């Protein structure tokens, strides 16, 4: 979440007149995140998060919004989108597609424990199981074509060692076929800052705007890479075991997933190294914009390549 398109209270009051959420009391920009313009909105009837979509095509947005509504109906701690008086989730504000969702309780944790990871693993399995009955499908916008295009754009900016690493990893990933693995709806960005903790429980899972249809194992790999890595990018065995065993208890891993796991951890690391390289070398202008350090995922990718079996999937 960032702010690329600023808003005034006057702008928002006019937009809120199409909703039954009361009168505006506070508008505050959100700095965390990197893709859209986001604001905390407080009215006389509740607290919400307003998002203006800066680059996501409008035609893709119903997939995300209806997915959030679907998961919320299944009891998952997901921010339900708010419909306007015409019963639409999606509107327009300052020429951008815009939506508002319920603001959930809790705050993110920077240093997760094994207990955090255990609860997260169970929640992720629940999300994947509930997603099986979601009828819409959407291609992963950060899939093979994006990897190749983004790599081509950032390669000229890299030193020789990093360039060689990127080219070698791309060659490896071209041979890794995730299609035979169990498929479904995935969050695809389940980082620590996208999970809110209300005491010892998960109060909210947010930012579904990279969600897509892909291998469920990729979602697990994205989550493990962020939640279970130490400061040097290596996997912490205790946190990994807690997350993976809790997930496996509700959605058991297959033999094919166990075989693909080391390569999928590398794929997940490459995806975020590439996106951070792109944001770092080709930043977008905005009022409040967060650019994350690519070095973190460079280290994680190196660690996954040198220790591929450090956190095996449960049997």
Protein backbone atom coordinates (compact mmCIF):
# COMPACT_ATOMS: atom_id res chain seq x y z
CA UNK A 1 0.00 0.00 0.00
CA UNK A 2 1.21 3.49 -0.90
CA UNK A 3 -0.21 6.83 -2.02
CA UNK A 4 0.39 7.71 -5.66
CA UNK A 5 -2.85 9.70 -6.07
CA UNK A 6 -3.53 12.10 -3.17
CA UNK A 7 -7.08 12.73 -1.95
CA UNK A 8 -8.69 15.59 -0.06
CA UNK A 9 -11.52 15.26 2.43
CA UNK A 10 -13.73 17.14 -0.03
CA UNK A 11 -13.00 14.55 -2.74
CA UNK A 12 -13.89 11.72 -0.41
CA UNK A 13 -17.04 13.25 1.05
CA UNK A 14 -18.51 13.51 -2.42
CA UNK A 15 -17.55 9.90 -3.22
CA UNK A 16 -18.97 8.60 0.07
CA UNK A 17 -22.36 10.10 -0.75
CA UNK A 18 -22.94 6.94 -2.84
CA UNK A 19 -22.49 4.74 0.27
CA UNK A 20 -24.52 4.13 3.41
CA UNK A 21 -21.56 4.36 5.79
CA UNK A 22 -22.29 7.65 7.53
CA UNK A 23 -20.30 10.88 7.53
CA UNK A 24 -16.54 11.21 7.06
CA UNK A 25 -14.58 11.78 10.25
CA UNK A 26 -10.96 11.07 9.22
CA UNK A 27 -8.89 10.41 6.08
CA UNK A 28 -5.29 9.18 6.37
CA UNK A 29 -2.88 7.94 3.70
CA UNK A 30 -1.16 4.57 4.15
CA UNK A 31 2.57 4.41 3.38
CA UNK A 32 3.21 0.65 3.59
CA UNK A 33 3.12 -1.38 0.36
CA UNK A 34 4.10 -0.65 -3.21
CA UNK A 35 1.28 -0.98 -5.77
CA UNK A 36 -1.87 1.11 -5.17
CA UNK A 37 -3.00 4.26 -3.38
CA UNK A 38 -4.50 3.36 0.00
CA UNK A 39 -6.19 5.31 2.77
CA UNK A 40 -7.67 4.68 6.19
CA UNK A 41 -11.21 6.09 6.25
CA UNK A 42 -13.16 6.60 9.45
CA UNK A 43 -16.86 7.51 9.32
CA UNK A 44 -19.61 7.84 11.87
CA UNK A 45 -20.52 4.18 11.22
CA UNK A 46 -17.20 2.42 10.98
CA UNK A 47 -13.58 2.10 9.88
CA UNK A 48 -12.61 1.22 6.33
CA UNK A 49 -9.71 0.99 3.89
CA UNK A 50 -10.08 2.80 0.58
CA UNK A 51 -7.98 1.66 -2.40
CA UNK A 52 -7.39 3.45 -5.69
CA UNK A 53 -5.95 1.02 -8.23
CA UNK A 54 -3.01 2.56 -10.07
CA UNK A 55 -2.08 -0.15 -12.55
CA UNK A 56 -4.47 -3.12 -12.25
CA UNK A 57 -6.84 -3.25 -15.24
CA UNK A 58 -10.41 -2.53 -14.21
CA UNK A 59 -11.61 -5.73 -15.88
CA UNK A 60 -9.52 -7.83 -13.47
CA UNK A 61 -10.80 -6.22 -10.28
CA UNK A 62 -14.08 -8.15 -9.89
CA UNK A 63 -11.99 -11.31 -9.46
CA UNK A 64 -10.30 -9.87 -6.35
CA UNK A 65 -13.35 -8.20 -4.83
CA UNK A 66 -15.67 -11.17 -5.27
CA UNK A 67 -12.94 -13.47 -3.95
CA UNK A 68 -12.68 -11.42 -0.77
CA UNK A 69 -16.45 -11.52 -0.34
CA UNK A 70 -16.43 -15.30 -0.98
CA UNK A 71 -13.72 -15.97 1.61
CA UNK A 72 -15.37 -13.70 4.18
CA UNK A 73 -18.62 -15.67 3.77
CA UNK A 74 -16.64 -18.83 4.55
CA UNK A 75 -15.55 -17.41 7.90
CA UNK A 76 -12.00 -16.44 6.99
CA UNK A 77 -10.60 -13.19 8.48
CA UNK A 78 -10.71 -11.33 5.17
CA UNK A 79 -11.83 -7.70 4.67
CA UNK A 80 -15.26 -7.82 3.05
CA UNK A 81 -15.74 -5.24 0.28
CA UNK A 82 -18.41 -2.58 0.87
CA UNK A 83 -21.12 -2.20 -1.76
CA UNK A 84 -22.39 1.22 -2.75
CA UNK A 85 -26.10 2.08 -2.94
CA UNK A 86 -26.27 0.50 -6.40
CA UNK A 87 -24.88 -2.74 -4.89
CA UNK A 88 -21.52 -2.39 -6.72
CA UNK A 89 -18.17 -3.08 -5.06
CA UNK A 90 -16.19 -1.12 -7.63
CA UNK A 91 -16.45 2.63 -8.30
CA UNK A 92 -14.25 5.41 -9.71
CA UNK A 93 -12.40 8.18 -7.92
CA UNK A 94 -10.00 10.67 -9.54
CA UNK A 95 -10.16 8.61 -12.72
CA UNK A 96 -8.98 5.47 -10.91
CA UNK A 97 -10.99 2.33 -10.16
CA UNK A 98 -11.72 2.45 -6.43
CA UNK A 99 -13.14 0.23 -3.73
CA UNK A 100 -13.64 0.30 0.01
CA UNK A 101 -13.35 -2.66 2.38
CA UNK A 102 -13.95 -3.17 6.09
CA UNK A 103 -10.89 -2.38 8.21
CA UNK A 104 -10.01 -5.39 10.36
CA UNK A 105 -8.56 -5.46 13.87
CA UNK A 106 -4.94 -6.11 14.71
CA UNK A 107 -1.43 -5.26 13.61
CA UNK A 108 1.35 -7.05 11.75
CA UNK A 109 4.33 -8.68 13.50
CA UNK A 110 7.93 -8.20 12.38
CA UNK A 111 9.45 -11.18 14.19
CA UNK A 112 7.05 -14.13 13.99
CA UNK A 113 7.32 -17.07 16.34
CA UNK A 114 6.63 -20.74 15.67
CA UNK A 115 3.15 -20.22 17.16
CA UNK A 116 2.44 -17.42 14.67
CA UNK A 117 3.59 -19.70 11.86
CA UNK A 118 1.42 -22.57 13.07
CA UNK A 119 -1.72 -20.44 13.04
CA UNK A 120 -0.76 -18.97 9.69
CA UNK A 121 -0.29 -22.43 8.15
CA UNK A 122 -3.76 -23.47 9.26
CA UNK A 123 -5.27 -20.24 7.94
CA UNK A 124 -3.55 -20.64 4.55
CA UNK A 125 -4.89 -24.18 4.22
CA UNK A 126 -8.37 -22.89 5.03
CA UNK A 127 -8.03 -20.18 2.41
CA UNK A 128 -7.00 -22.74 -0.22
CA UNK A 129 -9.84 -25.10 0.69
CA UNK A 130 -12.48 -22.35 0.65
CA UNK A 131 -11.10 -21.10 -2.65
CA UNK A 132 -11.89 -24.42 -4.32
CA UNK A 133 -15.56 -23.40 -4.54
CA UNK A 134 -14.82 -19.96 -5.99
CA UNK A 135 -15.97 -20.11 -9.58
CA UNK A 136 -13.81 -17.39 -11.13
CA UNK A 137 -10.31 -17.97 -12.48
CA UNK A 138 -7.56 -15.46 -13.26
CA UNK A 139 -4.08 -15.99 -14.65
CA UNK A 140 -1.10 -15.13 -12.46
CA UNK A 141 0.03 -11.67 -13.56
CA UNK A 142 3.50 -12.46 -12.17
CA UNK A 143 3.88 -15.69 -14.11
CA UNK A 144 6.41 -16.82 -16.78
CA UNK A 145 5.81 -14.00 -19.29
CA UNK A 146 6.19 -11.38 -16.55
CA UNK A 147 9.38 -13.03 -15.25
CA UNK A 148 11.00 -12.90 -18.67
CA UNK A 149 9.93 -9.32 -19.43
CA UNK A 150 10.93 -7.99 -16.01
CA UNK A 151 14.28 -9.78 -16.14
CA UNK A 152 15.01 -8.23 -19.54
CA UNK A 153 14.25 -4.78 -18.11
CA UNK A 154 16.45 -5.10 -15.01
CA UNK A 155 19.40 -7.09 -16.40
CA UNK A 156 21.19 -3.99 -17.79
CA UNK A 157 21.23 -2.51 -14.26
CA UNK A 158 22.87 -5.52 -12.60
CA UNK A 159 26.51 -6.28 -11.83
CA UNK A 160 27.97 -9.33 -13.55
CA UNK A 161 27.50 -11.72 -10.60
CA UNK A 162 23.83 -10.81 -10.11
CA UNK A 163 23.24 -10.94 -13.85
CA UNK A 164 24.67 -14.47 -14.04
CA UNK A 165 22.52 -15.56 -11.09
CA UNK A 166 19.37 -14.17 -12.69
CA UNK A 167 20.03 -15.75 -16.07
CA UNK A 168 20.80 -19.14 -14.51
CA UNK A 169 17.68 -19.06 -12.33
CA UNK A 170 15.48 -18.12 -15.28
CA UNK A 171 16.83 -21.11 -17.19
CA UNK A 172 16.02 -23.38 -14.23
CA UNK A 173 12.50 -22.02 -13.84
CA UNK A 174 11.69 -22.55 -17.53
CA UNK A 175 12.01 -26.29 -16.88
CA UNK A 176 9.86 -26.34 -13.72
CA UNK A 177 6.24 -27.11 -14.64
CA UNK A 178 3.76 -26.33 -11.89
CA UNK A 179 0.70 -27.32 -13.92
CA UNK A 180 0.54 -30.97 -12.65
CA UNK A 181 0.41 -29.76 -9.04
CA UNK A 182 -2.86 -29.08 -7.16
CA UNK A 183 -4.28 -25.80 -8.44
CA UNK A 184 -6.63 -23.20 -7.03
CA UNK A 185 -7.00 -19.63 -5.87
CA UNK A 186 -3.92 -18.29 -4.09
CA UNK A 187 -3.18 -15.08 -2.22
CA UNK A 188 0.31 -14.86 -3.79
CA UNK A 189 1.54 -12.10 -1.45
CA UNK A 190 1.04 -13.41 2.09
CA UNK A 191 3.85 -11.41 3.69
CA UNK A 192 4.06 -10.43 7.34
CA UNK A 193 2.66 -6.97 6.63
CA UNK A 194 -0.45 -8.52 5.04
CA UNK A 195 -1.50 -10.43 8.17
CA UNK A 196 -2.96 -8.61 11.17
CA UNK A 197 -2.75 -10.19 14.63
CA UNK A 198 -5.36 -9.54 17.28
CA UNK A 199 -3.59 -10.94 20.33
CA UNK A 200 -2.64 -14.54 19.59
CA UNK A 201 -5.21 -14.90 16.80
CA UNK A 202 -5.24 -13.74 13.19
CA UNK A 203 -7.49 -10.70 13.00
CA UNK A 204 -7.15 -10.14 9.28
CA UNK A 205 -5.55 -11.21 6.01
CA UNK A 206 -5.34 -8.24 3.67
CA UNK A 207 -4.14 -7.05 0.24
CA UNK A 208 -5.57 -9.64 -2.16
CA UNK A 209 -4.64 -7.68 -5.27
CA UNK A 210 -2.05 -10.22 -6.48
CA UNK A 211 -4.45 -13.13 -5.92
CA UNK A 212 -4.77 -15.47 -8.89
CA UNK A 213 -5.22 -19.04 -10.04
CA UNK A 214 -2.00 -21.03 -9.74
CA UNK A 215 -0.41 -23.95 -7.94
CA UNK A 216 -1.27 -23.96 -4.25
CA UNK A 217 2.34 -24.87 -3.50
CA UNK A 218 3.55 -21.54 -4.88
CA UNK A 219 1.45 -19.76 -2.24
CA UNK A 220 2.99 -21.92 0.48
CA UNK A 221 6.48 -21.13 -0.84
CA UNK A 222 5.84 -17.37 -0.93
CA UNK A 223 4.61 -17.53 2.66
CA UNK A 224 7.46 -19.69 3.97
CA UNK A 225 10.12 -17.51 2.34
CA UNK A 226 8.88 -14.43 4.18
CA UNK A 227 7.73 -15.87 7.51
CA UNK A 228 10.45 -18.46 8.08
CA UNK A 229 13.68 -16.83 6.85
CA UNK A 230 16.40 -15.55 9.15
CA UNK A 231 18.38 -12.33 8.61
CA UNK A 232 20.67 -14.08 6.11
CA UNK A 233 17.86 -15.63 4.10
CA UNK A 234 18.19 -19.15 5.54
CA UNK A 235 15.11 -21.07 6.63
CA UNK A 236 14.40 -21.43 10.33
CA UNK A 237 13.60 -25.12 10.90
CA UNK A 238 11.22 -24.57 13.83
CA UNK A 239 9.07 -21.96 12.15
CA UNK A 240 9.02 -23.93 8.89
CA UNK A 241 7.92 -27.13 10.59
CA UNK A 242 5.17 -25.32 12.51
CA UNK A 243 3.74 -23.68 9.39
CA UNK A 244 4.02 -26.67 7.07
CA UNK A 245 2.67 -29.25 9.53
CA UNK A 246 -0.34 -27.08 10.40
CA UNK A 247 -1.09 -26.62 6.70
CA UNK A 248 -0.58 -30.33 5.95
CA UNK A 249 -3.03 -31.32 8.71
CA UNK A 250 -5.88 -29.66 6.80
CA UNK A 251 -4.72 -29.86 3.16
CA UNK A 252 -2.21 -32.73 2.86
CA UNK A 253 0.70 -32.28 0.47
CA UNK A 254 1.02 -34.69 -2.47
CA UNK A 255 4.10 -36.60 -3.58
CA UNK A 256 4.31 -34.34 -6.65
CA UNK A 257 4.37 -31.29 -4.40
CA UNK A 258 7.16 -32.78 -2.28
CA UNK A 259 9.25 -33.30 -5.41
CA UNK A 260 8.58 -29.77 -6.68
CA UNK A 261 9.06 -28.01 -3.32
CA UNK A 262 12.75 -26.95 -3.60
CA UNK A 263 12.18 -25.49 -7.05
CA UNK A 264 8.98 -23.73 -5.95
CA UNK A 265 10.80 -22.06 -3.06
CA UNK A 266 13.26 -20.75 -5.64
CA UNK A 267 10.43 -19.58 -7.92
CA UNK A 268 8.82 -17.65 -5.08
CA UNK A 269 12.17 -16.05 -4.16
CA UNK A 270 12.84 -15.08 -7.78
CA UNK A 271 9.42 -13.48 -8.16
CA UNK A 272 10.03 -11.02 -5.32
CA UNK A 273 13.68 -10.39 -6.16
CA UNK A 274 12.56 -9.40 -9.66
CA UNK A 275 9.70 -7.16 -8.53
CA UNK A 276 11.92 -5.38 -6.02
CA UNK A 277 14.65 -4.92 -8.63
CA UNK A 278 12.08 -3.39 -10.96
CA UNK A 279 10.74 -1.05 -8.27
CA UNK A 280 14.28 -0.07 -7.24
CA UNK A 281 15.66 0.63 -10.70
CA UNK A 282 12.45 1.97 -12.26
CA UNK A 283 10.55 3.65 -9.40
CA UNK A 284 7.13 5.22 -9.84
CA UNK A 285 6.38 8.73 -8.65
CA UNK A 286 3.96 9.24 -5.79
CA UNK A 287 3.24 11.18 -2.62
CA UNK A 288 4.03 8.32 -0.20
CA UNK A 289 5.83 5.43 -1.90
CA UNK A 290 7.63 2.51 -0.26
CA UNK A 291 10.40 0.78 -2.28
CA UNK A 292 11.66 -2.43 -0.67
CA UNK A 293 15.31 -3.50 -0.78
CA UNK A 294 16.01 -6.17 -3.45
CA UNK A 295 18.99 -7.45 -1.42
CA UNK A 296 16.70 -9.35 0.98
CA UNK A 297 15.33 -11.58 -1.77
CA UNK A 298 18.68 -11.86 -3.50
CA UNK A 299 19.91 -13.47 -0.26
CA UNK A 300 16.83 -15.69 0.02
CA UNK A 301 17.23 -16.94 -3.55
CA UNK A 302 20.89 -17.75 -2.95
CA UNK A 303 20.00 -19.64 0.23
CA UNK A 304 17.29 -21.70 -1.53
CA UNK A 305 19.71 -22.64 -4.29
CA UNK A 306 22.46 -23.75 -1.89
CA UNK A 307 20.26 -25.58 0.65
CA UNK A 308 17.32 -26.99 -1.34
CA UNK A 309 16.30 -29.64 1.22
CA UNK A 310 16.56 -27.57 4.41
CA UNK A 311 12.78 -27.58 5.04
CA UNK A 312 11.11 -30.66 3.50
CA UNK A 313 7.35 -30.94 3.26
CA UNK A 314 5.65 -33.21 5.84
CA UNK A 315 4.72 -36.75 4.84
